[in-house]
Amino acid sequence: MNVYLYLKHFTPEGKNLNEGTSKAVHGLASGLVEGGADVTILCEGVSKDSIYDTKSGYTIAAFASQSTRPSFEVSENLKKYILAASEQSIFVLNGIFHRSVYVLSRFLKKHALSYVAAPHDPYHPTIFRKNSYLKWPYWYLLERKMLQQAEIVQVLDQRHGQWLRQLKVETPTLEVPNGFSPSDVKSVSTLGWTHHKTPEFLFLGRLDAYNKGLDILLKAFAHLTEVPKWNLTLQGPDWGDRQFLEQLVSQLGISESVTFLEPDYELSPSAIIAKYDVFCVASRFEGFSLSALEAMLAGRVLLVSEIAGITPHVHASNCGVIVQPTPDSVKAGVLHLMQQRSHWQEMGLNGRQYALDNLHWNSIASRALEQYQSLLSTKP
């Protein structure tokens, strides 16, 4: 069968896949190819239409448009390309509160073509609290209709379906977690476990204070008086909040213990994470957290927010603690981990083995492909 994955900002030659959604779409596309599907990633924002065949076996079809940003305008050549697709095709639309995804869903619906909605974030109440005056009207006027008319909503964690049902979206859900590719896995011998005298904590990802709960994380550590010494590093691209976070660090009086680092795209995430003891994700809302999966592959201990899609896997492998996105809960989680410090290496290796056994893109994509085929077989 033919699977088309739409991600407007995917790069036309599949290079520099440093952004989480792009990495996830690449991984799923590669796994679907291994499962026997013909896969094309559809994207926009280039100056000239192009077709590129990747080494992973999927094709990237890029279409000229003014920007890779969400827009109510979709390339006319993209629409023509879609209409030329075979009948045995399904379209997976990636993005949440994304105008281009909405427009494309209406086009597919008009032409009786099957689509899967893949938001990559849960519709948790906290996602509506920031810019609520924009999000709620968009939800009622556009987003909900797009989800209701999808064949299925692809979620990163089956638990995220509950938030859809509370919002009166009864469309069936399909769990497709994020996974890893063989190139993501480093030899255990390269990871090392340095027993730092002062415990080293890391957040690796975009510096988005609200989404990633970085203000929560900093406030929790500021009240960690039970641990005499600790170091926390925040590393990643600035999404406009670094100055605010640096000011918060100063206000909290923890400047000597908190370090901000620019993103390092030369090293793999696992290689960066392996320099630290504990990986922290205190997000207010989080689809999955690929960085947390990379921490598992690096054999590190995790502190994760309960909303993150990776949480059931952390629980199943006993490689960390699960917390609520509040300063008190995060602090309690850190203290609990400190009590287990002598077991961190064992816990990290348990998480690594669990990820290797259960979160390979090929097996994840194989299950997704079965569901896609089932959707097409039942369509009149």
Protein backbone atom coordinates (compact mmCIF):
# COMPACT_ATOMS: atom_id res chain seq x y z
CA MET A 1 0.00 0.00 0.00
CA ASN A 2 0.96 3.67 -0.30
CA VAL A 3 1.41 5.77 2.82
CA TYR A 4 1.78 9.55 2.57
CA LEU A 5 3.04 11.40 5.65
CA TYR A 6 2.41 15.15 5.56
CA LEU A 7 4.71 17.33 7.66
CA LYS A 8 4.89 20.81 6.22
CA HIS A 9 8.33 21.71 7.58
CA PHE A 10 10.11 18.42 6.79
CA THR A 11 13.35 19.13 4.95
CA PRO A 12 13.28 18.43 1.19
CA GLU A 13 16.31 16.11 1.31
CA GLY A 14 15.79 14.68 4.80
CA LYS A 15 18.85 16.41 6.26
CA ASN A 16 19.44 17.98 9.68
CA LEU A 17 16.60 16.15 11.39
CA ASN A 18 17.17 17.79 14.77
CA GLU A 19 13.55 18.70 15.47
CA GLY A 20 11.43 16.12 17.30
CA THR A 21 8.46 15.78 14.95
CA SER A 22 10.72 15.53 11.89
CA LYS A 23 12.77 12.78 13.59
CA ALA A 24 9.59 10.91 14.49
CA VAL A 25 8.17 11.13 10.96
CA HIS A 26 11.50 10.00 9.52
CA GLY A 27 11.61 7.03 11.90
CA LEU A 28 8.06 5.95 11.15
CA ALA A 29 8.60 6.35 7.40
CA SER A 30 11.76 4.22 7.53
CA GLY A 31 9.97 1.53 9.53
CA LEU A 32 6.98 1.48 7.19
CA VAL A 33 9.34 0.96 4.24
CA GLU A 34 10.87 -2.03 6.06
CA GLY A 35 7.33 -3.36 6.43
CA GLY A 36 6.79 -3.29 2.68
CA ALA A 37 4.91 -0.01 2.22
CA ASP A 38 5.60 2.59 -0.44
CA VAL A 39 6.13 5.73 1.63
CA THR A 40 6.26 9.39 0.64
CA ILE A 41 6.76 12.34 2.97
CA LEU A 42 4.94 15.43 1.70
CA CYS A 43 6.31 18.84 2.66
CA GLU A 44 6.17 22.48 1.60
CA GLY A 45 8.15 25.68 1.87
CA VAL A 46 10.74 25.20 -0.88
CA SER A 47 11.31 27.57 -3.79
CA LYS A 48 10.85 24.86 -6.41
CA ASP A 49 9.00 21.53 -6.44
CA SER A 50 11.30 18.54 -6.02
CA ILE A 51 11.29 14.76 -5.58
CA TYR A 52 14.05 13.11 -3.54
CA ASP A 53 14.60 9.40 -2.91
CA THR A 54 16.23 8.82 0.48
CA LYS A 55 18.69 6.13 1.51
CA SER A 56 16.06 4.89 3.98
CA GLY A 57 13.81 3.92 1.06
CA TYR A 58 11.10 6.54 1.29
CA THR A 59 10.53 9.48 -1.07
CA ILE A 60 10.28 13.15 -0.14
CA ALA A 61 7.95 15.19 -2.34
CA ALA A 62 8.50 18.89 -1.63
CA PHE A 63 6.25 21.62 -3.01
CA ALA A 64 6.85 25.31 -3.51
CA SER A 65 5.12 27.65 -1.09
CA GLN A 66 5.96 30.87 0.71
CA SER A 67 6.86 29.32 4.06
CA THR A 68 7.09 26.15 6.12
CA ARG A 69 4.89 27.83 8.74
CA PRO A 70 1.22 26.84 9.15
CA SER A 71 -1.03 28.62 6.67
CA PHE A 72 -4.52 28.40 5.23
CA GLU A 73 -2.83 28.16 1.83
CA VAL A 74 -1.74 24.72 0.56
CA SER A 75 0.28 24.23 -2.63
CA GLU A 76 -1.91 23.61 -5.67
CA ASN A 77 0.74 21.24 -7.02
CA LEU A 78 0.55 19.28 -3.77
CA LYS A 79 -3.19 18.91 -4.27
CA LYS A 80 -2.67 17.68 -7.83
CA TYR A 81 -0.03 15.23 -6.60
CA ILE A 82 -2.46 13.86 -4.02
CA LEU A 83 -5.23 13.39 -6.59
CA ALA A 84 -2.84 11.33 -8.71
CA ALA A 85 -2.25 8.88 -5.85
CA SER A 86 -3.55 5.32 -6.16
CA GLU A 87 -6.78 4.25 -4.49
CA GLN A 88 -4.86 2.10 -1.99
CA SER A 89 -3.39 5.13 -0.24
CA ILE A 90 -3.69 6.63 3.18
CA PHE A 91 -2.58 10.07 4.33
CA VAL A 92 -1.17 10.78 7.79
CA LEU A 93 -1.41 14.48 8.68
CA ASN A 94 1.14 15.53 11.29
CA GLY A 95 0.56 18.59 13.45
CA ILE A 96 -1.59 20.08 16.20
CA PHE A 97 -3.51 23.38 15.87
CA HIS A 98 -1.97 23.50 12.41
CA ARG A 99 -3.83 25.49 9.76
CA SER A 100 -2.22 23.66 6.84
CA VAL A 101 -3.24 20.30 8.32
CA TYR A 102 -6.83 21.52 8.60
CA VAL A 103 -6.94 22.76 5.00
CA LEU A 104 -5.44 19.53 3.71
CA SER A 105 -7.92 17.46 5.73
CA ARG A 106 -10.81 19.34 4.08
CA PHE A 107 -9.32 18.68 0.64
CA LEU A 108 -8.93 14.97 1.36
CA LYS A 109 -12.45 14.74 2.75
CA LYS A 110 -13.87 16.49 -0.31
CA HIS A 111 -12.26 13.87 -2.55
CA ALA A 112 -13.19 10.89 -0.33
CA LEU A 113 -9.56 10.12 0.52
CA SER A 114 -8.73 8.52 3.87
CA TYR A 115 -6.67 10.45 6.38
CA VAL A 116 -5.20 9.83 9.82
CA ALA A 117 -4.76 12.76 12.21
CA ALA A 118 -1.43 12.64 14.07
CA PRO A 119 -1.26 15.64 16.47
CA HIS A 120 1.98 14.56 18.29
CA ASP A 121 0.76 16.24 21.50
CA PRO A 122 -2.12 15.33 23.81
CA TYR A 123 -5.16 17.60 24.01
CA HIS A 124 -4.52 17.91 27.72
CA PRO A 125 -6.17 20.87 29.52
CA THR A 126 -2.79 22.56 29.97
CA ILE A 127 -2.27 22.88 26.22
CA PHE A 128 -5.28 25.20 26.07
CA ARG A 129 -4.19 27.48 28.91
CA LYS A 130 -1.50 29.32 26.98
CA ASN A 131 -3.09 31.55 24.30
CA SER A 132 -6.49 30.17 25.26
CA TYR A 133 -8.27 33.07 23.54
CA LEU A 134 -6.90 31.72 20.24
CA LYS A 135 -6.94 27.99 20.87
CA TRP A 136 -10.51 27.52 22.07
CA PRO A 137 -12.14 29.25 19.06
CA TYR A 138 -9.80 27.34 16.74
CA TRP A 139 -10.72 24.10 18.51
CA TYR A 140 -14.47 24.57 18.15
CA LEU A 141 -14.39 25.98 14.65
CA LEU A 142 -11.67 23.86 13.00
CA GLU A 143 -9.59 21.39 15.02
CA ARG A 144 -12.41 19.29 16.46
CA LYS A 145 -14.03 18.83 13.05
CA MET A 146 -10.70 17.75 11.55
CA LEU A 147 -10.29 15.10 14.29
CA GLN A 148 -13.90 13.93 14.18
CA GLN A 149 -13.74 13.29 10.43
CA ALA A 150 -10.42 11.44 10.49
CA GLU A 151 -10.46 7.68 10.02
CA ILE A 152 -8.43 7.42 13.20
CA VAL A 153 -6.40 9.67 15.51
CA GLN A 154 -2.81 8.50 15.88
CA VAL A 155 -1.61 9.08 19.43
CA LEU A 156 1.78 8.50 21.01
CA ASP A 157 0.22 7.00 24.13
CA GLN A 158 -3.20 5.35 24.32
CA ARG A 159 -3.89 7.28 27.54
CA HIS A 160 -4.04 10.47 25.49
CA GLY A 161 -7.32 9.29 23.98
CA GLN A 162 -9.10 10.16 27.21
CA TRP A 163 -8.55 13.87 26.61
CA LEU A 164 -10.13 13.58 23.16
CA ARG A 165 -13.17 11.82 24.54
CA GLN A 166 -13.59 14.49 27.21
CA LEU A 167 -13.65 17.02 24.36
CA LYS A 168 -16.42 15.07 22.55
CA VAL A 169 -14.15 13.50 19.94
CA GLU A 170 -15.11 9.82 19.68
CA THR A 171 -12.87 8.96 16.71
CA PRO A 172 -10.97 5.71 17.38
CA THR A 173 -7.34 6.11 18.41
CA LEU A 174 -4.25 4.20 17.33
CA GLU A 175 -1.21 4.12 19.59
CA VAL A 176 2.02 4.64 17.65
CA PRO A 177 4.79 5.52 20.14
CA ASN A 178 8.09 7.00 19.09
CA GLY A 179 10.93 4.59 18.53
CA PHE A 180 14.60 4.28 17.73
CA SER A 181 16.62 3.27 14.70
CA PRO A 182 19.77 1.11 14.85
CA SER A 183 21.91 4.20 14.21
CA ASP A 184 20.59 5.67 17.49
CA VAL A 185 22.11 2.87 19.56
CA LYS A 186 25.64 3.14 20.88
CA SER A 187 27.66 0.30 22.36
CA VAL A 188 27.35 -0.02 26.13
CA SER A 189 31.12 0.30 26.34
CA THR A 190 30.91 3.85 24.95
CA LEU A 191 28.39 5.06 27.50
CA GLY A 192 30.32 4.84 30.74
CA TRP A 193 28.99 5.60 34.19
CA THR A 194 31.00 8.31 35.85
CA HIS A 195 30.24 8.41 39.55
CA HIS A 196 30.04 12.17 39.97
CA LYS A 197 30.55 13.36 43.52
CA THR A 198 27.90 15.98 42.79
CA PRO A 199 24.85 14.49 40.98
CA GLU A 200 24.47 15.83 37.46
CA PHE A 201 20.95 16.45 36.09
CA LEU A 202 20.11 17.33 32.48
CA PHE A 203 17.25 18.69 30.43
CA LEU A 204 17.90 18.38 26.68
CA GLY A 205 15.42 19.96 24.31
CA ARG A 206 13.97 23.27 23.23
CA LEU A 207 13.94 26.03 25.84
CA ASP A 208 10.15 26.41 25.91
CA ALA A 209 9.38 27.22 29.54
CA TYR A 210 5.63 26.55 29.52
CA ASN A 211 5.45 23.40 27.40
CA LYS A 212 8.56 21.78 28.87
CA GLY A 213 7.87 22.91 32.45
CA LEU A 214 11.33 24.40 32.81
CA ASP A 215 10.13 26.98 35.33
CA ILE A 216 8.69 24.09 37.36
CA LEU A 217 11.99 22.23 37.17
CA LEU A 218 14.00 25.24 38.35
CA LYS A 219 11.65 25.99 41.25
CA ALA A 220 11.82 22.35 42.37
CA PHE A 221 15.62 22.38 42.45
CA ALA A 222 15.66 25.75 44.21
CA HIS A 223 13.85 24.13 47.14
CA LEU A 224 16.05 21.02 47.16
CA THR A 225 17.71 21.91 50.45
CA GLU A 226 17.96 18.24 51.45
CA VAL A 227 20.64 17.71 48.77
CA PRO A 228 23.67 19.87 49.63
CA LYS A 229 25.13 19.92 46.12
CA TRP A 230 23.67 19.30 42.67
CA ASN A 231 24.17 20.56 39.14
CA LEU A 232 21.43 21.08 36.55
CA THR A 233 22.13 21.72 32.86
CA LEU A 234 19.55 23.03 30.41
CA GLN A 235 20.69 22.51 26.82
CA GLY A 236 18.85 23.22 23.61
CA PRO A 237 17.68 25.85 21.13
CA ASP A 238 16.12 29.00 22.54
CA TRP A 239 12.40 29.23 21.74
CA GLY A 240 12.27 32.71 23.21
CA ASP A 241 12.40 31.79 26.90
CA ARG A 242 16.10 31.57 27.73
CA GLN A 243 16.32 35.13 29.07
CA PHE A 244 13.26 34.56 31.26
CA LEU A 245 14.73 31.31 32.57
CA GLU A 246 18.11 32.89 33.28
CA GLN A 247 16.37 35.67 35.22
CA LEU A 248 14.37 33.07 37.15
CA VAL A 249 17.58 31.22 38.05
CA SER A 250 19.03 34.47 39.40
CA GLN A 251 15.87 35.27 41.36
CA LEU A 252 15.86 31.79 42.89
CA GLY A 253 19.51 32.13 43.93
CA ILE A 254 20.71 28.98 42.15
CA SER A 255 23.00 30.50 39.51
CA GLU A 256 26.05 28.55 40.75
CA SER A 257 24.27 25.23 40.18
CA VAL A 258 22.48 25.83 36.86
CA THR A 259 24.18 25.93 33.46
CA PHE A 260 22.68 26.87 30.08
CA LEU A 261 24.28 25.35 26.97
CA GLU A 262 23.68 25.93 23.28
CA PRO A 263 22.47 22.93 21.25
CA ASP A 264 25.22 20.62 19.99
CA TYR A 265 24.24 18.99 16.72
CA GLU A 266 27.66 17.40 16.22
CA LEU A 267 27.15 14.88 19.02
CA SER A 268 24.26 12.41 19.11
CA PRO A 269 21.70 13.06 21.87
CA SER A 270 22.70 9.78 23.55
CA ALA A 271 26.35 10.87 23.63
CA ILE A 272 25.38 14.19 25.24
CA ILE A 273 23.05 12.53 27.77
CA ALA A 274 25.70 9.97 28.74
CA LYS A 275 27.74 12.77 30.36
CA TYR A 276 25.07 13.16 33.05
CA ASP A 277 23.39 11.04 35.70
CA VAL A 278 19.68 11.84 35.44
CA PHE A 279 17.54 13.07 32.54
CA CYS A 280 14.62 15.35 33.49
CA VAL A 281 11.32 16.00 31.68
CA ALA A 282 8.90 18.05 33.79
CA SER A 283 6.59 19.03 30.91
CA ARG A 284 3.11 20.45 31.43
CA PHE A 285 2.12 18.58 28.26
CA GLU A 286 4.25 16.22 26.20
CA GLY A 287 3.45 13.86 23.36
CA PHE A 288 6.21 11.36 24.02
CA SER A 289 9.71 12.88 24.50
CA LEU A 290 12.19 11.45 22.05
CA SER A 291 14.97 12.85 24.21
CA ALA A 292 13.74 10.69 27.10
CA LEU A 293 13.88 7.64 24.82
CA GLU A 294 17.43 8.60 23.87
CA ALA A 295 18.20 8.82 27.59
CA MET A 296 16.92 5.26 28.01
CA LEU A 297 19.16 4.13 25.16
CA ALA A 298 22.04 5.89 26.92
CA GLY A 299 21.30 3.86 30.04
CA ARG A 300 20.39 6.88 32.13
CA VAL A 301 17.92 7.31 34.96
CA LEU A 302 14.84 9.41 34.15
CA LEU A 303 12.55 11.83 35.95
CA VAL A 304 9.47 12.25 33.74
CA SER A 305 6.16 14.06 33.88
CA GLU A 306 3.17 11.70 34.06
CA ILE A 307 1.60 13.22 30.92
CA ALA A 308 4.52 12.21 28.67
CA GLY A 309 3.83 9.31 26.33
CA ILE A 310 7.03 7.59 27.39
CA THR A 311 5.81 7.34 31.01
CA PRO A 312 4.30 3.81 30.73
CA HIS A 313 7.63 2.58 29.36
CA VAL A 314 9.60 4.21 32.19
CA HIS A 315 7.23 2.56 34.67
CA ALA A 316 7.44 -0.84 32.98
CA SER A 317 11.25 -0.81 32.95
CA ASN A 318 11.71 0.77 36.40
CA CYS A 319 14.32 3.15 35.02
CA GLY A 320 13.18 6.28 36.81
CA VAL A 321 10.45 8.15 38.64
CA ILE A 322 7.17 9.60 37.38
CA VAL A 323 6.08 12.98 38.70
CA GLN A 324 3.31 15.54 38.38
CA PRO A 325 4.35 18.80 36.70
CA THR A 326 4.51 20.74 39.97
CA PRO A 327 7.57 21.91 41.93
CA ASP A 328 6.64 19.83 44.99
CA SER A 329 6.19 16.63 42.99
CA VAL A 330 9.39 17.15 41.00
CA LYS A 331 11.32 17.80 44.21
CA ALA A 332 9.89 14.63 45.77
CA GLY A 333 10.90 12.70 42.65
CA VAL A 334 14.47 13.96 42.85
CA LEU A 335 14.69 13.01 46.53
CA HIS A 336 13.34 9.54 45.75
CA LEU A 337 15.98 9.10 43.06
CA MET A 338 18.72 10.26 45.42
CA GLN A 339 17.72 7.49 47.82
CA GLN A 340 18.29 5.01 44.97
CA ARG A 341 21.59 6.48 43.84
CA SER A 342 23.55 3.27 44.34
CA HIS A 343 21.17 1.57 41.84
CA TRP A 344 21.28 4.19 39.06
CA GLN A 345 23.46 2.14 36.73
CA GLU A 346 21.28 -0.95 37.16
CA MET A 347 18.12 1.10 36.62
CA GLY A 348 19.59 2.73 33.53
CA LEU A 349 20.57 -0.59 32.00
CA ASN A 350 17.08 -1.94 32.66
CA GLY A 351 15.62 1.01 30.75
CA ARG A 352 18.06 0.55 27.89
CA GLN A 353 17.23 -3.14 27.49
CA TYR A 354 13.50 -2.43 27.65
CA ALA A 355 13.82 0.18 24.88
CA LEU A 356 15.86 -2.20 22.72
CA ASP A 357 13.23 -4.91 23.17
CA ASN A 358 10.07 -2.84 22.73
CA LEU A 359 10.61 0.48 20.95
CA HIS A 360 12.31 -0.35 17.65
CA TRP A 361 10.81 1.65 14.79
CA ASN A 362 10.44 -1.45 12.62
CA SER A 363 8.15 -3.22 15.07
CA ILE A 364 6.21 -0.03 15.83
CA ALA A 365 5.72 0.69 12.13
CA SER A 366 4.70 -2.91 11.45
CA ARG A 367 1.81 -2.60 13.90
CA ALA A 368 0.82 0.78 12.44
CA LEU A 369 0.88 -0.59 8.91
CA GLU A 370 -1.52 -3.38 9.87
CA GLN A 371 -3.96 -0.77 11.15
CA TYR A 372 -3.60 1.39 8.03
CA GLN A 373 -4.32 -1.63 5.84
CA SER A 374 -7.33 -2.49 7.97
CA LEU A 375 -8.71 1.03 7.56
CA LEU A 376 -8.50 0.80 3.78
CA SER A 377 -9.97 -2.70 3.65
CA THR A 378 -13.09 -1.61 5.55
CA LYS A 379 -13.61 1.60 3.59
CA PRO A 380 -16.55 1.32 1.14
